[in-house]
């Protein structure tokens, strides 16, 4: 392995604001504690939560400026702490840590707790692996842990053409559920159909309650809500009594309580077991990871501008190495 340098390039902010404040910095490579891993980053994911942090969403919890953004990514192990024996130098890994105290993933190196790091399945290259830790864990845990989808059950995935939704469609089909996907635009509808959805509609143009009743005349069993608002509230009219809805925290507006439907907010969990489960699902589903756009690290601001423009089908990534 090449020697780890003392400094690195990172895309960071010096204050809260718009995409233009995200600029390239030269910062010290973070030191590695006994229970941490240093990852030489290949690809970092870019998500709407990154933009919210950039705008000051976690202002009271900020570790200070310059603040390196990014919650996930993939690369190779560059160094390990004294108590880390599960991961080896140069091993291909991916990681998710929402509020990493030593800085985010828009950087050439990131130091993160080893328990938040998983080994990349052989079927994924590092660019695809860097796109999915946050979205993959969120999608899989929504389908398996919260909705507990079973073979033959009907599920509406609302917001199916985004980073989480495109993976959730595939994981739901892995569980042999019947999937109705609500996507964005004709191209989003075509994408989720190609990924395996049994039926797909444009969630911004079509009546989701009517679509749900056509798809499941006796009522939908479950909903994974990756977007909120009026369309989702209409869709819930098609859910059977005793049905269930799961949504990641951060979806706004939050779904309104509704008699007869169990509503469950959740946060994705990153741990050794969770990454093992994700890796198994990636391989078993022969997962396809749609990349909406890829930018070099120096163009992180452009990546955030693309994010703000909307209609992102799949995931935006930063190519770091």
C-alpha atoms as a PDB file:
ATOM      1  CA  UNK A   1       0.000   0.000   0.000  1.00  0.00           C
ATOM      2  CA  UNK A   2       1.189   3.543  -0.728  1.00  0.00           C
ATOM      3  CA  UNK A   3       1.962   5.590   2.346  1.00  0.00           C
ATOM      4  CA  UNK A   4      -0.979   7.616   3.617  1.00  0.00           C
ATOM      5  CA  UNK A   5      -0.314  11.313   3.000  1.00  0.00           C
ATOM      6  CA  UNK A   6      -0.644  13.994   5.655  1.00  0.00           C
ATOM      7  CA  UNK A   7      -3.172  16.038   3.679  1.00  0.00           C
ATOM      8  CA  UNK A   8      -6.039  15.318   1.309  1.00  0.00           C
ATOM      9  CA  UNK A   9      -8.514  17.019  -0.980  1.00  0.00           C
ATOM     10  CA  UNK A  10     -12.065  17.309   0.318  1.00  0.00           C
ATOM     11  CA  UNK A  11     -15.248  19.091  -0.730  1.00  0.00           C
ATOM     12  CA  UNK A  12     -16.313  21.097   2.294  1.00  0.00           C
ATOM     13  CA  UNK A  13     -18.244  24.170   3.396  1.00  0.00           C
ATOM     14  CA  UNK A  14     -17.092  27.106   5.521  1.00  0.00           C
ATOM     15  CA  UNK A  15     -20.643  28.304   6.220  1.00  0.00           C
ATOM     16  CA  UNK A  16     -24.180  27.152   5.521  1.00  0.00           C
ATOM     17  CA  UNK A  17     -25.796  28.104   2.232  1.00  0.00           C
ATOM     18  CA  UNK A  18     -26.375  27.117  -1.393  1.00  0.00           C
ATOM     19  CA  UNK A  19     -24.456  24.754  -3.659  1.00  0.00           C
ATOM     20  CA  UNK A  20     -21.874  27.423  -4.529  1.00  0.00           C
ATOM     21  CA  UNK A  21     -20.367  27.342  -1.011  1.00  0.00           C
ATOM     22  CA  UNK A  22     -19.246  23.741  -1.490  1.00  0.00           C
ATOM     23  CA  UNK A  23     -15.611  24.104  -2.525  1.00  0.00           C
ATOM     24  CA  UNK A  24     -12.420  22.080  -2.693  1.00  0.00           C
ATOM     25  CA  UNK A  25     -10.257  22.254   0.436  1.00  0.00           C
ATOM     26  CA  UNK A  26      -6.903  20.783   1.413  1.00  0.00           C
ATOM     27  CA  UNK A  27      -7.321  19.280   4.894  1.00  0.00           C
ATOM     28  CA  UNK A  28      -5.389  16.948   7.198  1.00  0.00           C
ATOM     29  CA  UNK A  29      -6.045  13.249   6.685  1.00  0.00           C
ATOM     30  CA  UNK A  30      -8.029  12.203   9.775  1.00  0.00           C
ATOM     31  CA  UNK A  31      -6.224  10.152  12.400  1.00  0.00           C
ATOM     32  CA  UNK A  32      -7.474   6.623  13.035  1.00  0.00           C
ATOM     33  CA  UNK A  33      -8.538   5.553  16.521  1.00  0.00           C
ATOM     34  CA  UNK A  34      -8.249   1.958  17.725  1.00  0.00           C
ATOM     35  CA  UNK A  35     -11.778   1.016  16.606  1.00  0.00           C
ATOM     36  CA  UNK A  36     -11.721   2.859  13.274  1.00  0.00           C
ATOM     37  CA  UNK A  37     -10.809   2.241   9.663  1.00  0.00           C
ATOM     38  CA  UNK A  38      -9.273   4.740   7.237  1.00  0.00           C
ATOM     39  CA  UNK A  39     -10.792   4.386   3.779  1.00  0.00           C
ATOM     40  CA  UNK A  40      -9.076   5.666   0.640  1.00  0.00           C
ATOM     41  CA  UNK A  41     -12.221   6.832  -1.113  1.00  0.00           C
ATOM     42  CA  UNK A  42     -13.104   5.876  -4.666  1.00  0.00           C
ATOM     43  CA  UNK A  43     -16.723   7.065  -4.902  1.00  0.00           C
ATOM     44  CA  UNK A  44     -19.033   9.008  -2.597  1.00  0.00           C
ATOM     45  CA  UNK A  45     -22.804   9.118  -2.772  1.00  0.00           C
ATOM     46  CA  UNK A  46     -24.689  12.417  -3.091  1.00  0.00           C
ATOM     47  CA  UNK A  47     -28.170  12.581  -1.576  1.00  0.00           C
ATOM     48  CA  UNK A  48     -30.812  15.178  -0.691  1.00  0.00           C
ATOM     49  CA  UNK A  49     -29.851  14.862   2.975  1.00  0.00           C
ATOM     50  CA  UNK A  50     -26.401  16.229   2.031  1.00  0.00           C
ATOM     51  CA  UNK A  51     -28.046  19.359   0.647  1.00  0.00           C
ATOM     52  CA  UNK A  52     -30.075  19.760   3.832  1.00  0.00           C
ATOM     53  CA  UNK A  53     -26.918  19.529   5.947  1.00  0.00           C
ATOM     54  CA  UNK A  54     -25.238  22.076   3.627  1.00  0.00           C
ATOM     55  CA  UNK A  55     -28.143  24.446   4.216  1.00  0.00           C
ATOM     56  CA  UNK A  56     -27.854  24.170   8.008  1.00  0.00           C
ATOM     57  CA  UNK A  57     -30.264  21.392   8.945  1.00  0.00           C
ATOM     58  CA  UNK A  58     -27.863  20.086  11.624  1.00  0.00           C
ATOM     59  CA  UNK A  59     -26.470  23.485  12.543  1.00  0.00           C
ATOM     60  CA  UNK A  60     -26.757  22.873  16.293  1.00  0.00           C
ATOM     61  CA  UNK A  61     -24.893  19.562  15.981  1.00  0.00           C
ATOM     62  CA  UNK A  62     -22.207  20.702  13.541  1.00  0.00           C
ATOM     63  CA  UNK A  63     -18.666  19.635  14.303  1.00  0.00           C
ATOM     64  CA  UNK A  64     -17.504  23.037  13.071  1.00  0.00           C
ATOM     65  CA  UNK A  65     -16.064  24.411   9.857  1.00  0.00           C
ATOM     66  CA  UNK A  66     -14.722  23.478   7.431  1.00  0.00           C
ATOM     67  CA  UNK A  67     -17.398  20.776   7.332  1.00  0.00           C
ATOM     68  CA  UNK A  68     -16.843  17.894   4.895  1.00  0.00           C
ATOM     69  CA  UNK A  69     -20.172  16.636   3.535  1.00  0.00           C
ATOM     70  CA  UNK A  70     -21.211  13.116   2.567  1.00  0.00           C
ATOM     71  CA  UNK A  71     -22.794  10.203   4.427  1.00  0.00           C
ATOM     72  CA  UNK A  72     -21.558   7.229   2.421  1.00  0.00           C
ATOM     73  CA  UNK A  73     -19.174   5.863  -0.156  1.00  0.00           C
ATOM     74  CA  UNK A  74     -16.765   3.112  -1.127  1.00  0.00           C
ATOM     75  CA  UNK A  75     -13.020   2.624  -1.467  1.00  0.00           C
ATOM     76  CA  UNK A  76     -10.207   0.529  -0.089  1.00  0.00           C
ATOM     77  CA  UNK A  77      -8.834   0.127   3.427  1.00  0.00           C
ATOM     78  CA  UNK A  78      -5.783   2.362   3.858  1.00  0.00           C
ATOM     79  CA  UNK A  79      -5.229   1.850   7.600  1.00  0.00           C
ATOM     80  CA  UNK A  80      -6.864   0.094  10.547  1.00  0.00           C
ATOM     81  CA  UNK A  81      -6.973   0.774  14.252  1.00  0.00           C
ATOM     82  CA  UNK A  82      -5.293  -1.507  16.775  1.00  0.00           C
ATOM     83  CA  UNK A  83      -8.551  -3.276  17.719  1.00  0.00           C
ATOM     84  CA  UNK A  84      -9.739  -3.868  14.134  1.00  0.00           C
ATOM     85  CA  UNK A  85      -9.059  -7.356  12.781  1.00  0.00           C
ATOM     86  CA  UNK A  86     -12.137  -7.991  10.596  1.00  0.00           C
ATOM     87  CA  UNK A  87     -10.946  -5.736   7.762  1.00  0.00           C
ATOM     88  CA  UNK A  88      -7.599  -5.908   6.000  1.00  0.00           C
ATOM     89  CA  UNK A  89      -5.435  -3.392   4.149  1.00  0.00           C
ATOM     90  CA  UNK A  90      -6.453  -2.815   0.537  1.00  0.00           C
ATOM     91  CA  UNK A  91      -9.790  -4.611   1.018  1.00  0.00           C
ATOM     92  CA  UNK A  92     -12.711  -3.168  -0.952  1.00  0.00           C
ATOM     93  CA  UNK A  93     -15.225  -1.676   1.464  1.00  0.00           C
ATOM     94  CA  UNK A  94     -18.259   0.572   1.636  1.00  0.00           C
ATOM     95  CA  UNK A  95     -19.577   2.568   4.549  1.00  0.00           C
ATOM     96  CA  UNK A  96     -22.478   4.657   5.860  1.00  0.00           C
ATOM     97  CA  UNK A  97     -22.246   7.061   8.785  1.00  0.00           C
ATOM     98  CA  UNK A  98     -24.766   9.866   8.919  1.00  0.00           C
ATOM     99  CA  UNK A  99     -22.970  12.315  11.211  1.00  0.00           C
ATOM    100  CA  UNK A 100     -19.378  11.145  11.178  1.00  0.00           C
ATOM    101  CA  UNK A 101     -17.410  13.103  13.825  1.00  0.00           C
ATOM    102  CA  UNK A 102     -14.196  13.036  11.737  1.00  0.00           C
ATOM    103  CA  UNK A 103     -15.782  14.400   8.577  1.00  0.00           C
ATOM    104  CA  UNK A 104     -17.878  13.182   5.709  1.00  0.00           C
ATOM    105  CA  UNK A 105     -17.212  11.114   2.604  1.00  0.00           C
ATOM    106  CA  UNK A 106     -16.619  13.886   0.043  1.00  0.00           C
ATOM    107  CA  UNK A 107     -12.897  13.427   0.613  1.00  0.00           C
ATOM    108  CA  UNK A 108      -9.907  11.383  -0.477  1.00  0.00           C
ATOM    109  CA  UNK A 109      -9.834   9.724   2.949  1.00  0.00           C
ATOM    110  CA  UNK A 110     -12.431   9.136   5.653  1.00  0.00           C
ATOM    111  CA  UNK A 111     -11.961   7.672   9.139  1.00  0.00           C
ATOM    112  CA  UNK A 112     -15.031   5.803  10.360  1.00  0.00           C
ATOM    113  CA  UNK A 113     -15.917   3.245  13.023  1.00  0.00           C
ATOM    114  CA  UNK A 114     -15.194  -0.257  11.739  1.00  0.00           C
ATOM    115  CA  UNK A 115     -18.703  -1.395  12.684  1.00  0.00           C
ATOM    116  CA  UNK A 116     -20.056   1.019  10.057  1.00  0.00           C
ATOM    117  CA  UNK A 117     -17.986  -0.593   7.294  1.00  0.00           C
ATOM    118  CA  UNK A 118     -18.869  -3.582   5.114  1.00  0.00           C
ATOM    119  CA  UNK A 119     -17.036  -5.609   2.485  1.00  0.00           C
ATOM    120  CA  UNK A 120     -18.119  -4.845  -1.076  1.00  0.00           C
ATOM    121  CA  UNK A 121     -19.730  -7.803  -2.903  1.00  0.00           C
ATOM    122  CA  UNK A 122     -17.652  -9.016  -5.846  1.00  0.00           C
ATOM    123  CA  UNK A 123     -20.519  -8.247  -8.226  1.00  0.00           C
ATOM    124  CA  UNK A 124     -20.244  -4.495  -7.589  1.00  0.00           C
ATOM    125  CA  UNK A 125     -17.523  -2.201  -8.847  1.00  0.00           C
ATOM    126  CA  UNK A 126     -16.517   0.583  -6.477  1.00  0.00           C
ATOM    127  CA  UNK A 127     -18.560   3.265  -8.245  1.00  0.00           C
ATOM    128  CA  UNK A 128     -21.773   1.298  -7.823  1.00  0.00           C
ATOM    129  CA  UNK A 129     -20.789   0.287  -4.296  1.00  0.00           C
ATOM    130  CA  UNK A 130     -20.206   3.930  -3.394  1.00  0.00           C
ATOM    131  CA  UNK A 131     -23.724   4.788  -4.512  1.00  0.00           C
ATOM    132  CA  UNK A 132     -25.626   2.404  -2.257  1.00  0.00           C
ATOM    133  CA  UNK A 133     -24.698   2.246   1.436  1.00  0.00           C
ATOM    134  CA  UNK A 134     -27.269   4.822   2.586  1.00  0.00           C
ATOM    135  CA  UNK A 135     -29.888   4.005  -0.028  1.00  0.00           C
ATOM    136  CA  UNK A 136     -29.340   0.247   0.041  1.00  0.00           C
ATOM    137  CA  UNK A 137     -29.621  -0.082   3.809  1.00  0.00           C
ATOM    138  CA  UNK A 138     -32.658   2.208   3.835  1.00  0.00           C
ATOM    139  CA  UNK A 139     -34.392   0.252   1.067  1.00  0.00           C
ATOM    140  CA  UNK A 140     -33.615  -3.233   2.386  1.00  0.00           C
ATOM    141  CA  UNK A 141     -34.525  -2.463   5.995  1.00  0.00           C
ATOM    142  CA  UNK A 142     -37.772  -0.816   4.905  1.00  0.00           C
ATOM    143  CA  UNK A 143     -38.754  -3.887   2.889  1.00  0.00           C
ATOM    144  CA  UNK A 144     -37.503  -6.575   5.300  1.00  0.00           C
ATOM    145  CA  UNK A 145     -37.405  -5.194   8.825  1.00  0.00           C
ATOM    146  CA  UNK A 146     -40.305  -2.741   8.887  1.00  0.00           C
ATOM    147  CA  UNK A 147     -42.775  -3.919   6.263  1.00  0.00           C
ATOM    148  CA  UNK A 148     -41.669  -7.569   6.575  1.00  0.00           C
ATOM    149  CA  UNK A 149     -42.939  -8.204   3.046  1.00  0.00           C
ATOM    150  CA  UNK A 150     -43.959 -11.758   2.265  1.00  0.00           C
ATOM    151  CA  UNK A 151     -44.391 -13.621  -0.993  1.00  0.00           C
ATOM    152  CA  UNK A 152     -47.535 -12.576  -2.835  1.00  0.00           C
ATOM    153  CA  UNK A 153     -48.221  -9.444  -0.793  1.00  0.00           C
ATOM    154  CA  UNK A 154     -48.933  -6.205  -2.624  1.00  0.00           C
ATOM    155  CA  UNK A 155     -46.806  -3.138  -1.954  1.00  0.00           C
ATOM    156  CA  UNK A 156     -46.800   0.398  -3.267  1.00  0.00           C
ATOM    157  CA  UNK A 157     -43.325   1.934  -3.443  1.00  0.00           C
ATOM    158  CA  UNK A 158     -43.959   5.674  -3.619  1.00  0.00           C
ATOM    159  CA  UNK A 159     -40.973   7.602  -4.952  1.00  0.00           C
ATOM    160  CA  UNK A 160     -39.676   4.495  -6.687  1.00  0.00           C
ATOM    161  CA  UNK A 161     -37.438   6.160  -9.286  1.00  0.00           C
ATOM    162  CA  UNK A 162     -35.064   7.779  -6.780  1.00  0.00           C
ATOM    163  CA  UNK A 163     -31.946   6.429  -5.117  1.00  0.00           C
ATOM    164  CA  UNK A 164     -33.762   4.440  -2.430  1.00  0.00           C
ATOM    165  CA  UNK A 165     -36.781   3.525  -4.546  1.00  0.00           C
ATOM    166  CA  UNK A 166     -34.908   1.938  -7.442  1.00  0.00           C
ATOM    167  CA  UNK A 167     -33.270  -0.461  -4.994  1.00  0.00           C
ATOM    168  CA  UNK A 168     -36.459  -1.029  -2.976  1.00  0.00           C
ATOM    169  CA  UNK A 169     -38.287  -2.209  -6.114  1.00  0.00           C
ATOM    170  CA  UNK A 170     -35.634  -4.874  -6.645  1.00  0.00           C
ATOM    171  CA  UNK A 171     -35.550  -5.953  -2.997  1.00  0.00           C
ATOM    172  CA  UNK A 172     -39.355  -6.224  -2.924  1.00  0.00           C
ATOM    173  CA  UNK A 173     -39.256  -8.440  -6.003  1.00  0.00           C
ATOM    174  CA  UNK A 174     -36.528 -10.490  -4.330  1.00  0.00           C
ATOM    175  CA  UNK A 175     -39.135 -11.218  -1.621  1.00  0.00           C
ATOM    176  CA  UNK A 176     -41.612 -12.141  -4.401  1.00  0.00           C
ATOM    177  CA  UNK A 177     -44.006  -9.336  -3.536  1.00  0.00           C
ATOM    178  CA  UNK A 178     -46.337  -7.752  -6.096  1.00  0.00           C
ATOM    179  CA  UNK A 179     -44.941  -4.263  -6.679  1.00  0.00           C
ATOM    180  CA  UNK A 180     -46.832  -1.147  -7.733  1.00  0.00           C
ATOM    181  CA  UNK A 181     -44.274   1.614  -8.277  1.00  0.00           C
ATOM    182  CA  UNK A 182     -45.044   5.323  -8.211  1.00  0.00           C
ATOM    183  CA  UNK A 183     -42.299   7.065 -10.196  1.00  0.00           C
ATOM    184  CA  UNK A 184     -41.484  10.502 -11.608  1.00  0.00           C
ATOM    185  CA  UNK A 185     -42.144  11.107 -15.296  1.00  0.00           C
ATOM    186  CA  UNK A 186     -42.395   8.750 -18.244  1.00  0.00           C
ATOM    187  CA  UNK A 187     -38.681   7.964 -18.044  1.00  0.00           C
ATOM    188  CA  UNK A 188     -38.994   7.159 -14.333  1.00  0.00           C
ATOM    189  CA  UNK A 189     -41.940   4.868 -15.030  1.00  0.00           C
ATOM    190  CA  UNK A 190     -39.949   3.086 -17.749  1.00  0.00           C
ATOM    191  CA  UNK A 191     -36.961   2.699 -15.399  1.00  0.00           C
ATOM    192  CA  UNK A 192     -38.871   1.080 -12.541  1.00  0.00           C
ATOM    193  CA  UNK A 193     -40.683  -1.253 -14.944  1.00  0.00           C
ATOM    194  CA  UNK A 194     -37.310  -2.373 -16.254  1.00  0.00           C
ATOM    195  CA  UNK A 195     -36.127  -2.964 -12.681  1.00  0.00           C
ATOM    196  CA  UNK A 196     -39.003  -5.370 -12.088  1.00  0.00           C
ATOM    197  CA  UNK A 197     -42.083  -3.440 -10.938  1.00  0.00           C
ATOM    198  CA  UNK A 198     -45.264  -5.327 -11.840  1.00  0.00           C
ATOM    199  CA  UNK A 199     -47.039  -2.042 -12.527  1.00  0.00           C
ATOM    200  CA  UNK A 200     -45.829   1.562 -12.562  1.00  0.00           C
ATOM    201  CA  UNK A 201     -47.547   4.935 -12.688  1.00  0.00           C
ATOM    202  CA  UNK A 202     -46.451   8.577 -12.744  1.00  0.00           C
ATOM    203  CA  UNK A 203     -47.069   9.612  -9.159  1.00  0.00           C
ATOM    204  CA  UNK A 204     -47.255  13.295 -10.032  1.00  0.00           C
ATOM    205  CA  UNK A 205     -49.900  12.883 -12.735  1.00  0.00           C
ATOM    206  CA  UNK A 206     -52.012   9.850 -11.912  1.00  0.00           C
ATOM    207  CA  UNK A 207     -54.517   9.110  -9.138  1.00  0.00           C
ATOM    208  CA  UNK A 208     -52.649   6.740  -6.845  1.00  0.00           C
ATOM    209  CA  UNK A 209     -55.787   5.667  -5.000  1.00  0.00           C
ATOM    210  CA  UNK A 210     -57.358   4.510  -8.271  1.00  0.00           C
ATOM    211  CA  UNK A 211     -54.104   2.868  -9.366  1.00  0.00           C
ATOM    212  CA  UNK A 212     -53.835   1.067  -6.027  1.00  0.00           C
ATOM    213  CA  UNK A 213     -57.404  -0.252  -6.245  1.00  0.00           C
ATOM    214  CA  UNK A 214     -56.838  -1.527  -9.761  1.00  0.00           C
ATOM    215  CA  UNK A 215     -53.603  -3.211  -8.716  1.00  0.00           C
ATOM    216  CA  UNK A 216     -54.956  -4.739  -5.480  1.00  0.00           C
ATOM    217  CA  UNK A 217     -58.771  -4.821  -5.517  1.00  0.00           C
ATOM    218  CA  UNK A 218     -58.896  -6.119  -1.936  1.00  0.00           C
ATOM    219  CA  UNK A 219     -56.529  -3.386  -0.771  1.00  0.00           C
ATOM    220  CA  UNK A 220     -52.785  -2.871  -0.733  1.00  0.00           C
ATOM    221  CA  UNK A 221     -50.968  -4.755   2.003  1.00  0.00           C
ATOM    222  CA  UNK A 222     -48.117  -2.296   2.408  1.00  0.00           C
ATOM    223  CA  UNK A 223     -46.607   1.029   1.352  1.00  0.00           C
ATOM    224  CA  UNK A 224     -42.975   2.139   1.398  1.00  0.00           C
ATOM    225  CA  UNK A 225     -43.222   5.924   1.299  1.00  0.00           C
ATOM    226  CA  UNK A 226     -40.110   7.678   0.035  1.00  0.00           C
ATOM    227  CA  UNK A 227     -41.971  10.941  -0.623  1.00  0.00           C
ATOM    228  CA  UNK A 228     -44.802  12.635   1.238  1.00  0.00           C
ATOM    229  CA  UNK A 229     -47.636  14.954   0.345  1.00  0.00           C
ATOM    230  CA  UNK A 230     -51.069  14.869  -1.237  1.00  0.00           C
ATOM    231  CA  UNK A 231     -50.326  12.010  -3.644  1.00  0.00           C
ATOM    232  CA  UNK A 232     -49.282   9.746  -0.776  1.00  0.00           C
ATOM    233  CA  UNK A 233     -52.354  10.656   1.278  1.00  0.00           C
ATOM    234  CA  UNK A 234     -54.552   9.729  -1.689  1.00  0.00           C
ATOM    235  CA  UNK A 235     -52.690   6.450  -2.115  1.00  0.00           C
ATOM    236  CA  UNK A 236     -53.426   5.447   1.475  1.00  0.00           C
ATOM    237  CA  UNK A 237     -57.114   5.261   0.566  1.00  0.00           C
ATOM    238  CA  UNK A 238     -56.231   2.067  -1.336  1.00  0.00           C
ATOM    239  CA  UNK A 239     -54.574   0.346   1.656  1.00  0.00           C
ATOM    240  CA  UNK A 240     -56.595  -2.406   3.324  1.00  0.00           C
ATOM    241  CA  UNK A 241     -57.556  -2.311   6.983  1.00  0.00           C
ATOM    242  CA  UNK A 242     -54.630  -3.824   8.862  1.00  0.00           C
ATOM    243  CA  UNK A 243     -52.164  -2.683   6.212  1.00  0.00           C
ATOM    244  CA  UNK A 244     -48.880  -1.022   7.055  1.00  0.00           C
ATOM    245  CA  UNK A 245     -46.771   1.905   5.901  1.00  0.00           C
ATOM    246  CA  UNK A 246     -43.072   2.477   6.539  1.00  0.00           C
ATOM    247  CA  UNK A 247     -41.146   5.630   5.719  1.00  0.00           C
ATOM    248  CA  UNK A 248     -37.606   6.846   6.421  1.00  0.00           C
ATOM    249  CA  UNK A 249     -37.329   9.754   8.835  1.00  0.00           C
ATOM    250  CA  UNK A 250     -36.856  12.892   6.763  1.00  0.00           C
ATOM    251  CA  UNK A 251     -39.785  12.258   4.410  1.00  0.00           C
ATOM    252  CA  UNK A 252     -41.897  15.410   4.520  1.00  0.00           C
ATOM    253  CA  UNK A 253     -44.667  16.062   5.042  1.00  0.00           C
ATOM    254  CA  UNK A 254     -44.948  13.026   7.261  1.00  0.00           C
ATOM    255  CA  UNK A 255     -47.896  10.723   6.544  1.00  0.00           C
ATOM    256  CA  UNK A 256     -51.001  11.592   8.535  1.00  0.00           C
ATOM    257  CA  UNK A 257     -52.219   9.008  11.077  1.00  0.00           C
ATOM    258  CA  UNK A 258     -54.963   6.873   9.573  1.00  0.00           C
ATOM    259  CA  UNK A 259     -57.289   4.416  11.296  1.00  0.00           C
ATOM    260  CA  UNK A 260     -56.579   0.815  10.428  1.00  0.00           C
ATOM    261  CA  UNK A 261     -53.072   1.417   9.017  1.00  0.00           C
ATOM    262  CA  UNK A 262     -49.895   0.893  11.026  1.00  0.00           C
ATOM    263  CA  UNK A 263     -47.498   3.757  10.247  1.00  0.00           C
ATOM    264  CA  UNK A 264     -43.812   3.248  11.040  1.00  0.00           C
ATOM    265  CA  UNK A 265     -41.027   5.837  10.668  1.00  0.00           C
ATOM    266  CA  UNK A 266     -37.507   4.452  10.729  1.00  0.00           C
ATOM    267  CA  UNK A 267     -33.820   5.225  10.328  1.00  0.00           C
ATOM    268  CA  UNK A 268     -31.431   2.967   8.437  1.00  0.00           C
ATOM    269  CA  UNK A 269     -28.982   1.144  10.691  1.00  0.00           C
ATOM    270  CA  UNK A 270     -25.379   0.515   9.672  1.00  0.00           C
ATOM    271  CA  UNK A 271     -23.601  -2.360  11.377  1.00  0.00           C
ATOM    272  CA  UNK A 272     -21.652  -5.512  10.607  1.00  0.00           C
ATOM    273  CA  UNK A 273     -24.802  -7.653  10.449  1.00  0.00           C
ATOM    274  CA  UNK A 274     -26.666  -5.066   8.391  1.00  0.00           C
ATOM    275  CA  UNK A 275     -23.893  -4.838   5.800  1.00  0.00           C
ATOM    276  CA  UNK A 276     -23.758  -8.633   5.588  1.00  0.00           C
ATOM    277  CA  UNK A 277     -27.501  -8.681   4.906  1.00  0.00           C
ATOM    278  CA  UNK A 278     -27.145  -5.952   2.292  1.00  0.00           C
ATOM    279  CA  UNK A 279     -24.317  -7.786   0.572  1.00  0.00           C
ATOM    280  CA  UNK A 280     -26.313 -11.011   0.421  1.00  0.00           C
ATOM    281  CA  UNK A 281     -29.344  -9.164  -1.008  1.00  0.00           C
ATOM    282  CA  UNK A 282     -27.177  -7.361  -3.581  1.00  0.00           C
ATOM    283  CA  UNK A 283     -25.847 -10.664  -4.888  1.00  0.00           C
ATOM    284  CA  UNK A 284     -29.123 -12.594  -4.708  1.00  0.00           C
ATOM    285  CA  UNK A 285     -31.125  -9.858  -6.442  1.00  0.00           C
ATOM    286  CA  UNK A 286     -28.378  -9.282  -9.023  1.00  0.00           C
ATOM    287  CA  UNK A 287     -28.891  -5.674  -8.058  1.00  0.00           C
ATOM    288  CA  UNK A 288     -28.822  -2.957 -10.688  1.00  0.00           C
ATOM    289  CA  UNK A 289     -27.710   0.435  -9.365  1.00  0.00           C
ATOM    290  CA  UNK A 290     -28.886   3.288 -11.614  1.00  0.00           C
ATOM    291  CA  UNK A 291     -26.407   6.190 -11.654  1.00  0.00           C
ATOM    292  CA  UNK A 292     -28.154   9.443 -12.576  1.00  0.00           C
ATOM    293  CA  UNK A 293     -24.933  11.469 -12.897  1.00  0.00           C
ATOM    294  CA  UNK A 294     -21.273  11.298 -11.853  1.00  0.00           C
ATOM    295  CA  UNK A 295     -18.989  14.267 -11.101  1.00  0.00           C
ATOM    296  CA  UNK A 296     -15.346  14.626 -10.081  1.00  0.00           C
ATOM    297  CA  UNK A 297     -14.731  15.667  -6.484  1.00  0.00           C
ATOM    298  CA  UNK A 298     -13.765  19.181  -7.598  1.00  0.00           C
ATOM    299  CA  UNK A 299     -17.261  19.576  -9.074  1.00  0.00           C
ATOM    300  CA  UNK A 300     -19.181  18.725  -5.920  1.00  0.00           C
ATOM    301  CA  UNK A 301     -21.038  22.044  -6.190  1.00  0.00           C
ATOM    302  CA  UNK A 302     -22.258  21.040  -9.657  1.00  0.00           C
ATOM    303  CA  UNK A 303     -23.460  17.742  -8.222  1.00  0.00           C
ATOM    304  CA  UNK A 304     -25.525  19.681  -5.679  1.00  0.00           C
ATOM    305  CA  UNK A 305     -26.858  21.942  -8.424  1.00  0.00           C
ATOM    306  CA  UNK A 306     -27.968  18.841 -10.313  1.00  0.00           C
ATOM    307  CA  UNK A 307     -29.591  17.549  -7.134  1.00  0.00           C
ATOM    308  CA  UNK A 308     -31.485  20.833  -6.725  1.00  0.00           C
ATOM    309  CA  UNK A 309     -32.721  20.659 -10.315  1.00  0.00           C
ATOM    310  CA  UNK A 310     -34.765  17.579  -9.369  1.00  0.00           C
ATOM    311  CA  UNK A 311     -35.944  14.582 -11.374  1.00  0.00           C
ATOM    312  CA  UNK A 312     -32.972  12.478 -10.302  1.00  0.00           C
ATOM    313  CA  UNK A 313     -33.477   8.903 -11.493  1.00  0.00           C
ATOM    314  CA  UNK A 314     -31.271   6.742  -9.316  1.00  0.00           C
ATOM    315  CA  UNK A 315     -28.236   8.172  -7.515  1.00  0.00           C
ATOM    316  CA  UNK A 316     -25.740  10.982  -8.073  1.00  0.00           C
ATOM    317  CA  UNK A 317     -22.119  10.178  -7.189  1.00  0.00           C
ATOM    318  CA  UNK A 318     -18.736  11.859  -6.845  1.00  0.00           C
ATOM    319  CA  UNK A 319     -15.717  10.157  -8.398  1.00  0.00           C
ATOM    320  CA  UNK A 320     -12.844  10.753  -6.000  1.00  0.00           C
ATOM    321  CA  UNK A 321     -10.081   8.346  -7.103  1.00  0.00           C
END
